PDB file of N, CA and C in Angstrom:
ATOM      1  N   MET A   1       9.746  16.220  28.192  1.00  0.00           N
ATOM      2  CA  MET A   1      10.059  15.390  27.250  1.00  0.00           C
ATOM      3  C   MET A   1      11.718  16.197  26.935  1.00  0.00           C
ATOM      4  N   HIS A   2      12.664  15.778  26.930  1.00  0.00           N
ATOM      5  CA  HIS A   2      13.861  15.923  26.152  1.00  0.00           C
ATOM      6  C   HIS A   2      13.667  15.851  24.495  1.00  0.00           C
ATOM      7  N   GLU A   3      14.261  17.194  24.167  1.00  0.00           N
ATOM      8  CA  GLU A   3      14.604  17.613  22.500  1.00  0.00           C
ATOM      9  C   GLU A   3      14.751  16.589  21.844  1.00  0.00           C
ATOM     10  N   SER A   4      15.257  15.126  22.439  1.00  0.00           N
ATOM     11  CA  SER A   4      15.964  13.340  21.322  1.00  0.00           C
ATOM     12  C   SER A   4      14.890  12.798  21.365  1.00  0.00           C
ATOM     13  N   THR A   5      13.981  13.015  22.511  1.00  0.00           N
ATOM     14  CA  THR A   5      12.569  11.931  22.647  1.00  0.00           C
ATOM     15  C   THR A   5      11.217  12.890  22.033  1.00  0.00           C
ATOM     16  N   THR A   6      11.408  14.244  21.462  1.00  0.00           N
ATOM     17  CA  THR A   6       9.744  14.845  21.351  1.00  0.00           C
ATOM     18  C   THR A   6       9.797  14.219  19.824  1.00  0.00           C
ATOM     19  N   PRO A   7       8.556  13.823  19.838  1.00  0.00           N
ATOM     20  CA  PRO A   7       8.307  13.379  18.531  1.00  0.00           C
ATOM     21  C   PRO A   7       8.334  14.730  17.709  1.00  0.00           C
ATOM     22  N   HIS A   8       8.156  14.853  15.712  1.00  0.00           N
ATOM     23  CA  HIS A   8       7.564  15.571  15.371  1.00  0.00           C
ATOM     24  C   HIS A   8       7.357  15.086  13.714  1.00  0.00           C
ATOM     25  N   PHE A   9       6.366  15.398  13.613  1.00  0.00           N
ATOM     26  CA  PHE A   9       5.465  15.068  12.240  1.00  0.00           C
ATOM     27  C   PHE A   9       6.378  14.824  11.280  1.00  0.00           C
ATOM     28  N   GLY A  10       6.238  13.067  10.488  1.00  0.00           N
ATOM     29  CA  GLY A  10       6.781  13.264   9.543  1.00  0.00           C
ATOM     30  C   GLY A  10       6.460  12.909   8.584  1.00  0.00           C
ATOM     31  N   PHE A  11       5.523  12.084   8.399  1.00  0.00           N
ATOM     32  CA  PHE A  11       4.784  11.774   7.136  1.00  0.00           C
ATOM     33  C   PHE A  11       3.236  10.566   7.292  1.00  0.00           C
ATOM     34  N   VAL A  12       2.504  10.659   6.010  1.00  0.00           N
ATOM     35  CA  VAL A  12       1.356   9.907   6.321  1.00  0.00           C
ATOM     36  C   VAL A  12       1.574   8.726   5.327  1.00  0.00           C
ATOM     37  N   LEU A  13       1.715   7.557   5.244  1.00  0.00           N
ATOM     38  CA  LEU A  13       2.258   5.928   4.144  1.00  0.00           C
ATOM     39  C   LEU A  13       1.230   5.590   3.787  1.00  0.00           C
ATOM     40  N   GLU A  14       0.970   6.112   2.515  1.00  0.00           N
ATOM     41  CA  GLU A  14      -0.348   4.730   2.210  1.00  0.00           C
ATOM     42  C   GLU A  14       0.439   4.105   1.055  1.00  0.00           C
ATOM     43  N   TYR A  15      -0.429   2.801   1.098  1.00  0.00           N
ATOM     44  CA  TYR A  15       0.580   1.540   0.551  1.00  0.00           C
ATOM     45  C   TYR A  15      -0.407   1.293  -0.892  1.00  0.00           C
ATOM     46  N   VAL A  16       0.304   1.522  -1.655  1.00  0.00           N
ATOM     47  CA  VAL A  16      -0.047   1.033  -3.323  1.00  0.00           C
ATOM     48  C   VAL A  16       0.353   0.192  -4.402  1.00  0.00           C
ATOM     49  N   PRO A  17      -0.833  -0.565  -5.074  1.00  0.00           N
ATOM     50  CA  PRO A  17      -0.516  -1.570  -5.514  1.00  0.00           C
ATOM     51  C   PRO A  17       0.878  -1.351  -6.713  1.00  0.00           C
ATOM     52  N   ASP A  18       0.703   0.019  -7.333  1.00  0.00           N
ATOM     53  CA  ASP A  18       1.753   0.070  -8.644  1.00  0.00           C
ATOM     54  C   ASP A  18       1.942   1.945  -8.171  1.00  0.00           C
ATOM     55  N   ILE A  19       3.339   1.272  -7.526  1.00  0.00           N
ATOM     56  CA  ILE A  19       3.982   2.752  -7.536  1.00  0.00           C
ATOM     57  C   ILE A  19       4.225   3.851  -8.686  1.00  0.00           C
ATOM     58  N   SER A  20       4.852   3.650  -9.788  1.00  0.00           N
ATOM     59  CA  SER A  20       5.095   4.166 -10.896  1.00  0.00           C
ATOM     60  C   SER A  20       3.308   5.164 -11.012  1.00  0.00           C
ATOM     61  N   THR A  21       2.486   4.385 -11.068  1.00  0.00           N
ATOM     62  CA  THR A  21       1.333   5.674 -11.217  1.00  0.00           C
ATOM     63  C   THR A  21       0.700   6.216 -10.249  1.00  0.00           C
ATOM     64  N   ALA A  22       0.665   5.886  -8.795  1.00  0.00           N
ATOM     65  CA  ALA A  22       0.744   6.816  -7.602  1.00  0.00           C
ATOM     66  C   ALA A  22       1.988   7.805  -8.018  1.00  0.00           C
ATOM     67  N   LYS A  23       3.586   7.278  -7.967  1.00  0.00           N
ATOM     68  CA  LYS A  23       4.100   8.431  -8.236  1.00  0.00           C
ATOM     69  C   LYS A  23       3.246   9.263  -9.364  1.00  0.00           C
ATOM     70  N   ALA A  24       3.494   9.422  -9.849  1.00  0.00           N
ATOM     71  CA  ALA A  24       3.097  10.099 -11.565  1.00  0.00           C
ATOM     72  C   ALA A  24       1.921  10.929 -10.309  1.00  0.00           C
ATOM     73  N   PHE A  25       0.638  10.142 -10.293  1.00  0.00           N
ATOM     74  CA  PHE A  25      -0.296  10.858  -9.535  1.00  0.00           C
ATOM     75  C   PHE A  25       0.047  12.504  -8.608  1.00  0.00           C
ATOM     76  N   TYR A  26       0.754  11.721  -7.413  1.00  0.00           N
ATOM     77  CA  TYR A  26       1.198  12.903  -6.813  1.00  0.00           C
ATOM     78  C   TYR A  26       2.209  13.783  -7.683  1.00  0.00           C
ATOM     79  N   THR A  27       3.077  13.691  -8.232  1.00  0.00           N
ATOM     80  CA  THR A  27       3.529  14.341  -8.523  1.00  0.00           C
ATOM     81  C   THR A  27       3.033  15.251 -10.091  1.00  0.00           C
ATOM     82  N   ASP A  28       2.762  14.925 -10.999  1.00  0.00           N
ATOM     83  CA  ASP A  28       1.957  15.280 -12.160  1.00  0.00           C
ATOM     84  C   ASP A  28       0.728  15.909 -11.843  1.00  0.00           C
ATOM     85  N   ILE A  29      -0.657  15.525 -11.366  1.00  0.00           N
ATOM     86  CA  ILE A  29      -1.432  15.879 -10.288  1.00  0.00           C
ATOM     87  C   ILE A  29      -1.456  16.699  -9.635  1.00  0.00           C
ATOM     88  N   LEU A  30      -1.021  16.469  -7.980  1.00  0.00           N
ATOM     89  CA  LEU A  30      -1.168  17.236  -7.465  1.00  0.00           C
ATOM     90  C   LEU A  30       0.331  18.023  -7.068  1.00  0.00           C
ATOM     91  N   GLY A  31       0.939  17.802  -7.778  1.00  0.00           N
ATOM     92  CA  GLY A  31       2.411  18.216  -7.736  1.00  0.00           C
ATOM     93  C   GLY A  31       3.239  18.635  -6.649  1.00  0.00           C
ATOM     94  N   LEU A  32       3.501  17.339  -5.701  1.00  0.00           N
ATOM     95  CA  LEU A  32       3.932  16.922  -4.810  1.00  0.00           C
ATOM     96  C   LEU A  32       5.411  16.888  -5.556  1.00  0.00           C
ATOM     97  N   LYS A  33       6.614  17.423  -4.349  1.00  0.00           N
ATOM     98  CA  LYS A  33       7.777  17.045  -5.108  1.00  0.00           C
ATOM     99  C   LYS A  33       8.678  15.846  -4.255  1.00  0.00           C
ATOM    100  N   VAL A  34       9.278  15.422  -5.111  1.00  0.00           N
ATOM    101  CA  VAL A  34      10.147  14.005  -4.919  1.00  0.00           C
ATOM    102  C   VAL A  34      11.200  14.091  -3.860  1.00  0.00           C
ATOM    103  N   VAL A  35      10.866  13.554  -2.294  1.00  0.00           N
ATOM    104  CA  VAL A  35      12.357  13.686  -1.519  1.00  0.00           C
ATOM    105  C   VAL A  35      13.017  13.298  -1.426  1.00  0.00           C
ATOM    106  N   ARG A  36      12.834  11.851  -0.799  1.00  0.00           N
ATOM    107  CA  ARG A  36      13.468  10.378  -0.812  1.00  0.00           C
ATOM    108  C   ARG A  36      12.879   8.982  -2.081  1.00  0.00           C
ATOM    109  N   GLU A  37      13.809   8.374  -2.558  1.00  0.00           N
ATOM    110  CA  GLU A  37      12.940   7.527  -3.653  1.00  0.00           C
ATOM    111  C   GLU A  37      13.704   5.973  -3.020  1.00  0.00           C
ATOM    112  N   SER A  38      13.049   4.976  -3.276  1.00  0.00           N
ATOM    113  CA  SER A  38      14.016   3.452  -4.096  1.00  0.00           C
ATOM    114  C   SER A  38      12.876   2.956  -3.937  1.00  0.00           C
ATOM    115  N   ALA A  39      13.371   1.750  -4.569  1.00  0.00           N
ATOM    116  CA  ALA A  39      12.364   0.892  -5.838  1.00  0.00           C
ATOM    117  C   ALA A  39      11.013   0.486  -5.248  1.00  0.00           C
ATOM    118  N   GLY A  40      10.492   0.085  -4.045  1.00  0.00           N
ATOM    119  CA  GLY A  40       9.336   0.351  -3.320  1.00  0.00           C
ATOM    120  C   GLY A  40       8.910   1.236  -2.516  1.00  0.00           C
ATOM    121  N   PHE A  41       9.479   2.382  -2.711  1.00  0.00           N
ATOM    122  CA  PHE A  41       9.162   3.639  -1.498  1.00  0.00           C
ATOM    123  C   PHE A  41       9.176   4.961  -2.331  1.00  0.00           C
ATOM    124  N   VAL A  42       8.500   6.186  -2.228  1.00  0.00           N
ATOM    125  CA  VAL A  42       8.803   7.537  -2.405  1.00  0.00           C
ATOM    126  C   VAL A  42       8.040   8.390  -1.394  1.00  0.00           C
ATOM    127  N   GLN A  43       9.003   9.285  -0.956  1.00  0.00           N
ATOM    128  CA  GLN A  43       8.622  10.018   0.146  1.00  0.00           C
ATOM    129  C   GLN A  43       8.352  11.791  -0.753  1.00  0.00           C
ATOM    130  N   PHE A  44       7.393  12.289  -0.543  1.00  0.00           N
ATOM    131  CA  PHE A  44       7.278  13.529  -1.078  1.00  0.00           C
ATOM    132  C   PHE A  44       6.994  14.658  -0.425  1.00  0.00           C
ATOM    133  N   ALA A  45       7.034  16.048  -0.156  1.00  0.00           N
ATOM    134  CA  ALA A  45       6.593  17.206   0.595  1.00  0.00           C
ATOM    135  C   ALA A  45       5.775  18.099  -0.348  1.00  0.00           C
ATOM    136  N   ASP A  46       4.904  19.025  -0.406  1.00  0.00           N
ATOM    137  CA  ASP A  46       4.182  19.543  -0.714  1.00  0.00           C
ATOM    138  C   ASP A  46       4.942  21.259  -0.816  1.00  0.00           C
ATOM    139  N   ALA A  47       4.314  22.382  -0.830  1.00  0.00           N
ATOM    140  CA  ALA A  47       5.254  23.195  -1.445  1.00  0.00           C
ATOM    141  C   ALA A  47       5.779  23.910   0.469  1.00  0.00           C
ATOM    142  N   ASN A  48       4.944  23.125   1.622  1.00  0.00           N
ATOM    143  CA  ASN A  48       5.151  24.066   2.699  1.00  0.00           C
ATOM    144  C   ASN A  48       5.829  23.135   3.886  1.00  0.00           C
ATOM    145  N   GLY A  49       6.341  22.086   2.888  1.00  0.00           N
ATOM    146  CA  GLY A  49       7.469  20.517   3.495  1.00  0.00           C
ATOM    147  C   GLY A  49       6.727  19.738   4.081  1.00  0.00           C
ATOM    148  N   VAL A  50       4.961  20.065   3.728  1.00  0.00           N
ATOM    149  CA  VAL A  50       4.435  18.697   4.803  1.00  0.00           C
ATOM    150  C   VAL A  50       4.774  17.335   3.631  1.00  0.00           C
ATOM    151  N   GLY A  51       4.496  16.547   4.725  1.00  0.00           N
ATOM    152  CA  GLY A  51       5.632  14.698   3.582  1.00  0.00           C
ATOM    153  C   GLY A  51       4.100  14.163   3.163  1.00  0.00           C
ATOM    154  N   TRP A  52       4.408  13.259   2.695  1.00  0.00           N
ATOM    155  CA  TRP A  52       3.521  12.235   2.239  1.00  0.00           C
ATOM    156  C   TRP A  52       3.897  11.033   1.732  1.00  0.00           C
ATOM    157  N   ALA A  53       3.965   9.889   1.776  1.00  0.00           N
ATOM    158  CA  ALA A  53       4.619   8.906   1.192  1.00  0.00           C
ATOM    159  C   ALA A  53       3.578   7.463   0.900  1.00  0.00           C
ATOM    160  N   ILE A  54       4.607   6.885  -0.477  1.00  0.00           N
ATOM    161  CA  ILE A  54       4.009   5.984  -0.664  1.00  0.00           C
ATOM    162  C   ILE A  54       4.790   4.510  -1.010  1.00  0.00           C
ATOM    163  N   ALA A  55       3.995   3.348  -0.414  1.00  0.00           N
ATOM    164  CA  ALA A  55       4.956   2.151  -0.903  1.00  0.00           C
ATOM    165  C   ALA A  55       4.538   1.168  -1.416  1.00  0.00           C
ATOM    166  N   SER A  56       5.025   0.537  -2.003  1.00  0.00           N
ATOM    167  CA  SER A  56       4.406  -1.088  -2.580  1.00  0.00           C
ATOM    168  C   SER A  56       4.791  -2.118  -1.205  1.00  0.00           C
ATOM    169  N   ASP A  57       5.474  -2.213  -0.639  1.00  0.00           N
ATOM    170  CA  ASP A  57       5.131  -3.528   0.275  1.00  0.00           C
ATOM    171  C   ASP A  57       4.612  -3.880   1.012  1.00  0.00           C
ATOM    172  N   ALA A  58       4.401  -4.846   2.042  1.00  0.00           N
ATOM    173  CA  ALA A  58       4.115  -5.046   3.078  1.00  0.00           C
ATOM    174  C   ALA A  58       3.966  -3.578   4.156  1.00  0.00           C
ATOM    175  N   SER A  59       2.508  -3.480   4.827  1.00  0.00           N
ATOM    176  CA  SER A  59       2.341  -2.319   5.890  1.00  0.00           C
ATOM    177  C   SER A  59       2.971  -3.478   7.081  1.00  0.00           C
ATOM    178  N   LEU A  60       3.709  -1.962   8.170  1.00  0.00           N
ATOM    179  CA  LEU A  60       3.431  -3.030   9.293  1.00  0.00           C
ATOM    180  C   LEU A  60       2.686  -3.399   9.733  1.00  0.00           C
ATOM    181  N   SER A  61       1.360  -3.165  10.032  1.00  0.00           N
ATOM    182  CA  SER A  61      -0.376  -3.069  10.617  1.00  0.00           C
ATOM    183  C   SER A  61       0.125  -4.699  10.037  1.00  0.00           C
ATOM    184  N   GLY A  62       0.341  -4.968   8.681  1.00  0.00           N
ATOM    185  CA  GLY A  62      -0.668  -6.154   8.183  1.00  0.00           C
ATOM    186  C   GLY A  62      -1.769  -5.688   7.290  1.00  0.00           C
ATOM    187  N   GLU A  63      -2.330  -4.090   7.160  1.00  0.00           N
ATOM    188  CA  GLU A  63      -3.794  -4.100   6.967  1.00  0.00           C
ATOM    189  C   GLU A  63      -4.121  -3.459   5.920  1.00  0.00           C
ATOM    190  N   GLY A  64      -2.551  -2.640   5.321  1.00  0.00           N
ATOM    191  CA  GLY A  64      -2.343  -2.051   3.921  1.00  0.00           C
ATOM    192  C   GLY A  64      -3.096  -0.638   4.409  1.00  0.00           C
ATOM    193  N   ARG A  65      -3.805  -0.115   5.496  1.00  0.00           N
ATOM    194  CA  ARG A  65      -4.357   1.418   5.885  1.00  0.00           C
ATOM    195  C   ARG A  65      -2.666   2.200   5.990  1.00  0.00           C
ATOM    196  N   PRO A  66      -3.290   3.685   5.486  1.00  0.00           N
ATOM    197  CA  PRO A  66      -2.007   4.232   6.160  1.00  0.00           C
ATOM    198  C   PRO A  66      -1.906   4.486   6.944  1.00  0.00           C
ATOM    199  N   GLU A  67      -0.474   5.207   7.377  1.00  0.00           N
ATOM    200  CA  GLU A  67      -0.117   4.413   8.703  1.00  0.00           C
ATOM    201  C   GLU A  67       0.607   6.216   8.625  1.00  0.00           C
ATOM    202  N   THR A  68       0.750   7.116  10.315  1.00  0.00           N
ATOM    203  CA  THR A  68       1.102   7.832  10.611  1.00  0.00           C
ATOM    204  C   THR A  68       2.373   8.346  10.816  1.00  0.00           C
ATOM    205  N   TYR A  69       3.695   8.709  10.808  1.00  0.00           N
ATOM    206  CA  TYR A  69       4.725   8.464  11.545  1.00  0.00           C
ATOM    207  C   TYR A  69       5.411   9.763  12.048  1.00  0.00           C
ATOM    208  N   TRP A  70       5.615   9.451  12.902  1.00  0.00           N
ATOM    209  CA  TRP A  70       6.306  10.837  14.102  1.00  0.00           C
ATOM    210  C   TRP A  70       8.036  10.518  14.230  1.00  0.00           C
ATOM    211  N   ILE A  71       8.525  11.445  13.684  1.00  0.00           N
ATOM    212  CA  ILE A  71       9.782  11.371  13.412  1.00  0.00           C
ATOM    213  C   ILE A  71      10.690  11.371  14.869  1.00  0.00           C
ATOM    214  N   VAL A  72      11.776  10.515  15.922  1.00  0.00           N
ATOM    215  CA  VAL A  72      12.049  11.159  17.208  1.00  0.00           C
ATOM    216  C   VAL A  72      13.839  10.606  16.681  1.00  0.00           C
ATOM    217  N   GLU A  73      14.952  11.185  17.940  1.00  0.00           N
ATOM    218  CA  GLU A  73      15.979  11.099  17.464  1.00  0.00           C
ATOM    219  C   GLU A  73      16.007   9.961  18.397  1.00  0.00           C
ATOM    220  N   ASP A  74      15.680   9.818  18.872  1.00  0.00           N
ATOM    221  CA  ASP A  74      16.390   8.805  20.274  1.00  0.00           C
ATOM    222  C   ASP A  74      15.055   7.962  21.171  1.00  0.00           C
ATOM    223  N   ILE A  75      14.773   6.790  19.639  1.00  0.00           N
ATOM    224  CA  ILE A  75      13.820   5.522  20.062  1.00  0.00           C
ATOM    225  C   ILE A  75      14.081   5.067  21.215  1.00  0.00           C
ATOM    226  N   ALA A  76      15.083   4.531  21.714  1.00  0.00           N
ATOM    227  CA  ALA A  76      14.895   4.011  22.381  1.00  0.00           C
ATOM    228  C   ALA A  76      14.546   4.938  24.103  1.00  0.00           C
ATOM    229  N   ALA A  77      15.087   5.609  24.237  1.00  0.00           N
ATOM    230  CA  ALA A  77      14.879   6.569  25.053  1.00  0.00           C
ATOM    231  C   ALA A  77      13.373   7.075  25.519  1.00  0.00           C
ATOM    232  N   LEU A  78      12.879   7.522  24.185  1.00  0.00           N
ATOM    233  CA  LEU A  78      11.313   7.864  23.771  1.00  0.00           C
ATOM    234  C   LEU A  78      10.622   6.597  24.597  1.00  0.00           C
ATOM    235  N   ALA A  79      10.798   4.829  23.975  1.00  0.00           N
ATOM    236  CA  ALA A  79      10.366   4.087  24.821  1.00  0.00           C
ATOM    237  C   ALA A  79      10.143   4.150  26.367  1.00  0.00           C
ATOM    238  N   LEU A  80      11.325   4.312  26.714  1.00  0.00           N
ATOM    239  CA  LEU A  80      11.560   3.979  28.007  1.00  0.00           C
ATOM    240  C   LEU A  80      10.410   5.433  28.720  1.00  0.00           C
ATOM    241  N   ALA A  81      10.818   6.408  28.633  1.00  0.00           N
ATOM    242  CA  ALA A  81       9.524   7.479  28.610  1.00  0.00           C
ATOM    243  C   ALA A  81       8.336   7.308  28.398  1.00  0.00           C
ATOM    244  N   LEU A  82       7.484   6.385  27.891  1.00  0.00           N
ATOM    245  CA  LEU A  82       6.186   6.249  27.686  1.00  0.00           C
ATOM    246  C   LEU A  82       5.844   4.968  28.305  1.00  0.00           C
ATOM    247  N   THR A  83       6.476   4.151  28.780  1.00  0.00           N
ATOM    248  CA  THR A  83       6.321   3.397  29.712  1.00  0.00           C
ATOM    249  C   THR A  83       5.596   3.346  30.820  1.00  0.00           C
ATOM    250  N   GLY A  84       4.495   2.997  30.958  1.00  0.00           N
ATOM    251  CA  GLY A  84       3.143   3.063  32.237  1.00  0.00           C
ATOM    252  C   GLY A  84       2.302   4.382  31.289  1.00  0.00           C
ATOM    253  N   LYS A  85       2.655   5.050  30.547  1.00  0.00           N
ATOM    254  CA  LYS A  85       2.286   6.207  30.231  1.00  0.00           C
ATOM    255  C   LYS A  85       1.333   5.993  28.406  1.00  0.00           C
ATOM    256  N   ALA A  86       2.070   4.922  27.900  1.00  0.00           N
ATOM    257  CA  ALA A  86       0.848   4.839  26.344  1.00  0.00           C
ATOM    258  C   ALA A  86       0.811   3.832  25.959  1.00  0.00           C
ATOM    259  N   THR A  87      -0.005   3.248  25.419  1.00  0.00           N
ATOM    260  CA  THR A  87      -0.260   1.555  25.129  1.00  0.00           C
ATOM    261  C   THR A  87       0.646   1.440  23.760  1.00  0.00           C
ATOM    262  N   ILE A  88       1.187   0.712  24.203  1.00  0.00           N
ATOM    263  CA  ILE A  88       2.359  -0.249  22.619  1.00  0.00           C
ATOM    264  C   ILE A  88       1.527  -0.790  21.783  1.00  0.00           C
ATOM    265  N   SER A  89       1.219  -0.265  20.530  1.00  0.00           N
ATOM    266  CA  SER A  89       0.294  -1.425  19.849  1.00  0.00           C
ATOM    267  C   SER A  89       1.146  -2.102  18.821  1.00  0.00           C
ATOM    268  N   GLN A  90       2.414  -1.537  19.119  1.00  0.00           N
ATOM    269  CA  GLN A  90       3.531  -2.581  18.209  1.00  0.00           C
ATOM    270  C   GLN A  90       4.887  -2.597  18.811  1.00  0.00           C
ATOM    271  N   PRO A  91       5.275  -3.547  19.396  1.00  0.00           N
ATOM    272  CA  PRO A  91       6.654  -3.598  20.298  1.00  0.00           C
ATOM    273  C   PRO A  91       7.894  -2.770  18.932  1.00  0.00           C
ATOM    274  N   LEU A  92       8.698  -2.316  19.959  1.00  0.00           N
ATOM    275  CA  LEU A  92      10.038  -1.453  19.106  1.00  0.00           C
ATOM    276  C   LEU A  92      10.684  -3.041  18.234  1.00  0.00           C
ATOM    277  N   GLU A  93      10.581  -2.389  16.891  1.00  0.00           N
ATOM    278  CA  GLU A  93      11.446  -3.173  16.275  1.00  0.00           C
ATOM    279  C   GLU A  93      12.755  -2.369  15.013  1.00  0.00           C
ATOM    280  N   ALA A  94      13.311  -3.375  14.848  1.00  0.00           N
ATOM    281  CA  ALA A  94      14.096  -2.554  13.598  1.00  0.00           C
ATOM    282  C   ALA A  94      13.893  -2.745  12.160  1.00  0.00           C
ATOM    283  N   HIS A  95      13.813  -2.290  11.241  1.00  0.00           N
ATOM    284  CA  HIS A  95      13.491  -2.194  10.228  1.00  0.00           C
ATOM    285  C   HIS A  95      15.074  -1.964   9.350  1.00  0.00           C
ATOM    286  N   PRO A  96      14.841  -2.132   7.952  1.00  0.00           N
ATOM    287  CA  PRO A  96      16.400  -1.387   7.145  1.00  0.00           C
ATOM    288  C   PRO A  96      16.412   0.302   7.051  1.00  0.00           C
ATOM    289  N   PHE A  97      15.361   0.705   7.215  1.00  0.00           N
ATOM    290  CA  PHE A  97      15.413   2.498   7.488  1.00  0.00           C
ATOM    291  C   PHE A  97      15.256   2.875   8.453  1.00  0.00           C
ATOM    292  N   GLY A  98      15.169   1.845   9.641  1.00  0.00           N
ATOM    293  CA  GLY A  98      15.423   2.732  11.308  1.00  0.00           C
ATOM    294  C   GLY A  98      14.644   1.869  12.009  1.00  0.00           C
ATOM    295  N   ARG A  99      14.154   2.265  13.423  1.00  0.00           N
ATOM    296  CA  ARG A  99      13.223   1.652  14.325  1.00  0.00           C
ATOM    297  C   ARG A  99      12.421   1.863  14.423  1.00  0.00           C
ATOM    298  N   VAL A 100      11.574   1.564  14.683  1.00  0.00           N
ATOM    299  CA  VAL A 100       9.860   1.560  14.792  1.00  0.00           C
ATOM    300  C   VAL A 100       9.159   1.016  15.811  1.00  0.00           C
ATOM    301  N   LEU A 101       8.206   2.033  16.741  1.00  0.00           N
ATOM    302  CA  LEU A 101       7.721   1.545  17.802  1.00  0.00           C
ATOM    303  C   LEU A 101       5.964   2.386  17.148  1.00  0.00           C
ATOM    304  N   GLY A 102       5.102   1.382  17.789  1.00  0.00           N
ATOM    305  CA  GLY A 102       4.146   1.736  17.417  1.00  0.00           C
ATOM    306  C   GLY A 102       3.067   2.162  18.869  1.00  0.00           C
ATOM    307  N   ILE A 103       2.535   3.416  18.894  1.00  0.00           N
ATOM    308  CA  ILE A 103       1.658   3.460  20.347  1.00  0.00           C
ATOM    309  C   ILE A 103      -0.004   3.823  19.687  1.00  0.00           C
ATOM    310  N   ALA A 104      -0.728   3.730  20.469  1.00  0.00           N
ATOM    311  CA  ALA A 104      -2.363   3.465  20.264  1.00  0.00           C
ATOM    312  C   ALA A 104      -2.224   4.795  21.011  1.00  0.00           C
ATOM    313  N   ASP A 105      -3.052   5.933  19.597  1.00  0.00           N
ATOM    314  CA  ASP A 105      -3.316   6.899  20.346  1.00  0.00           C
ATOM    315  C   ASP A 105      -5.213   6.830  20.839  1.00  0.00           C
ATOM    316  N   PRO A 106      -6.026   7.856  21.762  1.00  0.00           N
ATOM    317  CA  PRO A 106      -7.038   7.654  22.329  1.00  0.00           C
ATOM    318  C   PRO A 106      -8.199   6.980  21.550  1.00  0.00           C
ATOM    319  N   ALA A 107      -8.043   6.815  20.374  1.00  0.00           N
ATOM    320  CA  ALA A 107      -9.215   6.183  19.209  1.00  0.00           C
ATOM    321  C   ALA A 107      -8.551   4.760  19.016  1.00  0.00           C
ATOM    322  N   GLY A 108      -7.723   4.410  19.382  1.00  0.00           N
ATOM    323  CA  GLY A 108      -6.961   3.150  18.891  1.00  0.00           C
ATOM    324  C   GLY A 108      -6.196   2.593  17.583  1.00  0.00           C
ATOM    325  N   GLU A 109      -6.061   4.016  17.065  1.00  0.00           N
ATOM    326  CA  GLU A 109      -5.338   4.101  16.027  1.00  0.00           C
ATOM    327  C   GLU A 109      -3.693   4.355  16.336  1.00  0.00           C
ATOM    328  N   THR A 110      -2.958   3.416  15.614  1.00  0.00           N
ATOM    329  CA  THR A 110      -1.454   3.109  15.887  1.00  0.00           C
ATOM    330  C   THR A 110      -0.796   4.459  15.291  1.00  0.00           C
ATOM    331  N   GLN A 111      -0.198   5.334  15.716  1.00  0.00           N
ATOM    332  CA  GLN A 111       0.469   6.265  15.295  1.00  0.00           C
ATOM    333  C   GLN A 111       2.661   5.219  15.758  1.00  0.00           C
ATOM    334  N   TYR A 112       2.837   5.901  14.318  1.00  0.00           N
ATOM    335  CA  TYR A 112       4.068   5.286  14.438  1.00  0.00           C
ATOM    336  C   TYR A 112       5.393   6.028  14.746  1.00  0.00           C
ATOM    337  N   LEU A 113       6.240   5.581  15.921  1.00  0.00           N
ATOM    338  CA  LEU A 113       7.458   6.336  16.267  1.00  0.00           C
ATOM    339  C   LEU A 113       8.585   5.761  15.854  1.00  0.00           C
ATOM    340  N   VAL A 114       9.492   6.916  15.115  1.00  0.00           N
ATOM    341  CA  VAL A 114      10.267   6.062  14.075  1.00  0.00           C
ATOM    342  C   VAL A 114      11.675   6.998  14.282  1.00  0.00           C
ATOM    343  N   GLU A 115      12.594   6.474  14.524  1.00  0.00           N
ATOM    344  CA  GLU A 115      14.116   6.926  14.611  1.00  0.00           C
ATOM    345  C   GLU A 115      15.077   6.577  12.992  1.00  0.00           C
ATOM    346  N   PHE A 116      15.066   7.125  12.314  1.00  0.00           N
ATOM    347  CA  PHE A 116      15.542   6.677  10.829  1.00  0.00           C
ATOM    348  C   PHE A 116      16.909   6.067  10.844  1.00  0.00           C
ATOM    349  N   ALA A 117      17.456   5.235  10.020  1.00  0.00           N
ATOM    350  CA  ALA A 117      19.034   4.674  10.241  1.00  0.00           C
ATOM    351  C   ALA A 117      19.744   5.882   9.516  1.00  0.00           C
ATOM    352  N   GLN A 118      20.921   5.754   9.849  1.00  0.00           N
ATOM    353  CA  GLN A 118      22.234   6.827   9.594  1.00  0.00           C
ATOM    354  C   GLN A 118      22.104   6.293   7.724  1.00  0.00           C
ATOM    355  N   GLU A 119      21.903   4.838   7.245  1.00  0.00           N
ATOM    356  CA  GLU A 119      21.986   4.740   5.840  1.00  0.00           C
ATOM    357  C   GLU A 119      20.625   4.005   5.561  1.00  0.00           C
ATOM    358  N   ARG A 120      19.467   4.582   4.607  1.00  0.00           N
ATOM    359  CA  ARG A 120      18.612   3.831   4.598  1.00  0.00           C
ATOM    360  C   ARG A 120      18.499   3.426   3.322  1.00  0.00           C
ATOM    361  N   PRO A 121      17.528   2.151   2.963  1.00  0.00           N
ATOM    362  CA  PRO A 121      17.453   2.217   1.709  1.00  0.00           C
ATOM    363  C   PRO A 121      17.236   3.184   0.473  1.00  0.00           C
ATOM    364  N   SER A 122      16.022   3.737   1.103  1.00  0.00           N
ATOM    365  CA  SER A 122      15.400   5.222   0.137  1.00  0.00           C
ATOM    366  C   SER A 122      17.078   6.355   0.128  1.00  0.00           C
ATOM    367  N   LYS A 123      17.227   7.220  -0.914  1.00  0.00           N
ATOM    368  CA  LYS A 123      17.953   7.995  -1.129  1.00  0.00           C
ATOM    369  C   LYS A 123      17.525   8.943  -0.897  1.00  0.00           C
ATOM    370  N   ALA A 124      17.835  10.119  -0.821  1.00  0.00           N
ATOM    371  CA  ALA A 124      17.624  11.464  -1.158  1.00  0.00           C
ATOM    372  C   ALA A 124      17.534  11.972  -2.417  1.00  0.00           C
ATOM    373  N   VAL A 125      16.417  12.905  -2.476  1.00  0.00           N
ATOM    374  CA  VAL A 125      16.843  12.982  -4.653  1.00  0.00           C
ATOM    375  C   VAL A 125      16.824  14.525  -4.135  1.00  0.00           C
ATOM    376  N   GLY A 126      17.575  15.103  -5.050  1.00  0.00           N
ATOM    377  CA  GLY A 126      17.630  16.857  -5.561  1.00  0.00           C
ATOM    378  C   GLY A 126      19.093  17.405  -4.766  1.00  0.00           C
TER     379      GLY A 126
END
C-alpha cells in the first residue's frame, strides 16, 4: 500500500446522550485532554496521544454503538485498492467532517476509514 492509502488509528467514537456530562467525565475523571471540539462532538487524547471521541448526533451505523475510525490521506485511492479485497459495509459517503468508507473486519464489525475535510465543523483546541 502507498503511504497515502495506508490507514493509521484515529480514535474510537462513543455516542452519548449528554455531551457536557460525558466531556466532564473523560476530562475530570479519566484525565483525557480535549484536542478538537464542536457543539455535538469532542475528541480527546490521552498522555500517549491515543484518541477517544464522543458525539451526540446520530451514529453512522444507525445503532449508536462505538465506532472505530482509521485515518487515511487518500480515501478514493484506498477504496479502489480495496476492491475485491475487503467487504464494503458502508459505501463511500461525504460528510461535513470528511469522506468515510466502512469495511467489515473478519468478525463482521465495521471499521471506518476517514479522509478528513480541510475545514471541519470541529475546531482544534489548544
